[in-house]
Amino acid sequence: MEEKNRLKTLIILNDPPYGTERSYNGLRLANALSKDGVSEVKVFLMGDAVSCAKRGQQTPNGFYNLERMFKLAARNGVDIGT
């Protein structure tokens, strides 16, 4: 698809990885958009959200793990920056 027709989306995350669902929902949106093959998605982490991409996160069973979500996003071509 031509570059001018690509949907470009920037998602800025500013909340910590756990305690609220804002970062989780932002990553869900990034992953959903990145699957269409048309969108160019970038996620920018600032403030408390930088810890969302920390390796080795230990979360209780049944809770989302943002580290895994970031890995999926990267595989889908999402550009992640801080």
Protein backbone atom coordinates (compact mmCIF):
# COMPACT_ATOMS: atom_id res chain seq x y z
CA MET A 1 0.00 0.00 0.00
CA GLU A 2 1.22 3.50 -0.73
CA GLU A 3 2.86 5.31 2.17
CA LYS A 4 0.32 8.16 2.07
CA ASN A 5 -2.57 5.72 2.53
CA ARG A 6 -1.13 4.01 5.60
CA LEU A 7 -2.87 4.69 8.89
CA LYS A 8 -0.27 6.05 11.31
CA THR A 9 -1.00 5.79 15.02
CA LEU A 10 1.07 6.95 17.98
CA ILE A 11 0.06 5.66 21.39
CA ILE A 12 1.65 7.36 24.40
CA LEU A 13 1.66 5.37 27.63
CA ASN A 14 2.26 7.21 30.89
CA ASP A 15 0.78 4.92 33.57
CA PRO A 16 2.52 2.16 35.56
CA PRO A 17 2.19 -1.41 34.33
CA TYR A 18 -0.16 -2.51 37.09
CA GLY A 19 -2.72 -0.74 39.27
CA THR A 20 -4.63 0.74 36.35
CA GLU A 21 -5.55 -0.79 33.02
CA ARG A 22 -4.53 2.18 30.86
CA SER A 23 -1.18 0.77 29.75
CA TYR A 24 -2.74 -2.65 29.21
CA ASN A 25 -5.51 -1.18 27.07
CA GLY A 26 -3.05 0.94 25.11
CA LEU A 27 -1.04 -2.17 24.26
CA ARG A 28 -4.19 -4.08 23.34
CA LEU A 29 -5.04 -1.29 20.91
CA ALA A 30 -1.50 -1.25 19.48
CA ASN A 31 -1.57 -5.01 18.94
CA ALA A 32 -5.01 -4.92 17.33
CA LEU A 33 -4.03 -2.12 14.93
CA SER A 34 -0.75 -3.78 14.01
CA LYS A 35 -2.45 -6.95 12.79
CA ASP A 36 -4.22 -5.35 9.82
CA GLY A 37 -1.09 -5.00 7.68
CA VAL A 38 -2.05 -1.43 6.79
CA SER A 39 -1.33 0.51 9.98
CA GLU A 40 1.98 1.89 11.16
CA VAL A 41 1.86 1.80 14.96
CA LYS A 42 4.27 3.40 17.41
CA VAL A 43 4.13 3.16 21.21
CA PHE A 44 6.00 5.71 23.27
CA LEU A 45 6.64 5.05 26.96
CA MET A 46 7.16 7.90 29.39
CA GLY A 47 7.12 8.32 33.15
CA ASP A 48 5.85 5.28 35.04
CA ALA A 49 5.06 3.44 31.81
CA VAL A 50 8.76 2.80 31.15
CA SER A 51 8.59 -0.03 33.70
CA CYS A 52 5.92 -1.73 31.55
CA ALA A 53 8.64 -3.10 29.28
CA LYS A 54 10.77 -4.51 32.10
CA ARG A 55 12.02 -8.05 31.53
CA GLY A 56 11.25 -10.86 33.93
CA GLN A 57 7.92 -9.61 35.23
CA GLN A 58 6.29 -12.00 37.69
CA THR A 59 2.53 -11.74 37.70
CA PRO A 60 -0.05 -13.92 39.46
CA ASN A 61 -1.95 -16.47 37.35
CA GLY A 62 -4.87 -14.91 35.55
CA PHE A 63 -3.32 -11.45 35.34
CA TYR A 64 -2.03 -9.90 32.14
CA ASN A 65 1.74 -9.72 31.63
CA LEU A 66 2.80 -6.57 29.81
CA GLU A 67 6.23 -7.99 28.97
CA ARG A 68 4.54 -10.68 26.84
CA MET A 69 2.29 -8.07 25.25
CA PHE A 70 5.31 -5.97 24.29
CA LYS A 71 6.99 -9.00 22.73
CA LEU A 72 3.88 -9.64 20.64
CA ALA A 73 3.75 -5.98 19.62
CA ALA A 74 7.38 -6.05 18.52
CA ARG A 75 6.77 -9.20 16.46
CA ASN A 76 3.83 -7.44 14.82
CA GLY A 77 6.07 -4.55 13.78
CA VAL A 78 5.08 -2.00 16.43
CA ASP A 79 7.84 0.55 16.99
CA ILE A 80 8.43 0.94 20.74
CA GLY A 81 10.37 3.86 22.15
CA THR A 82 11.14 5.69 25.37
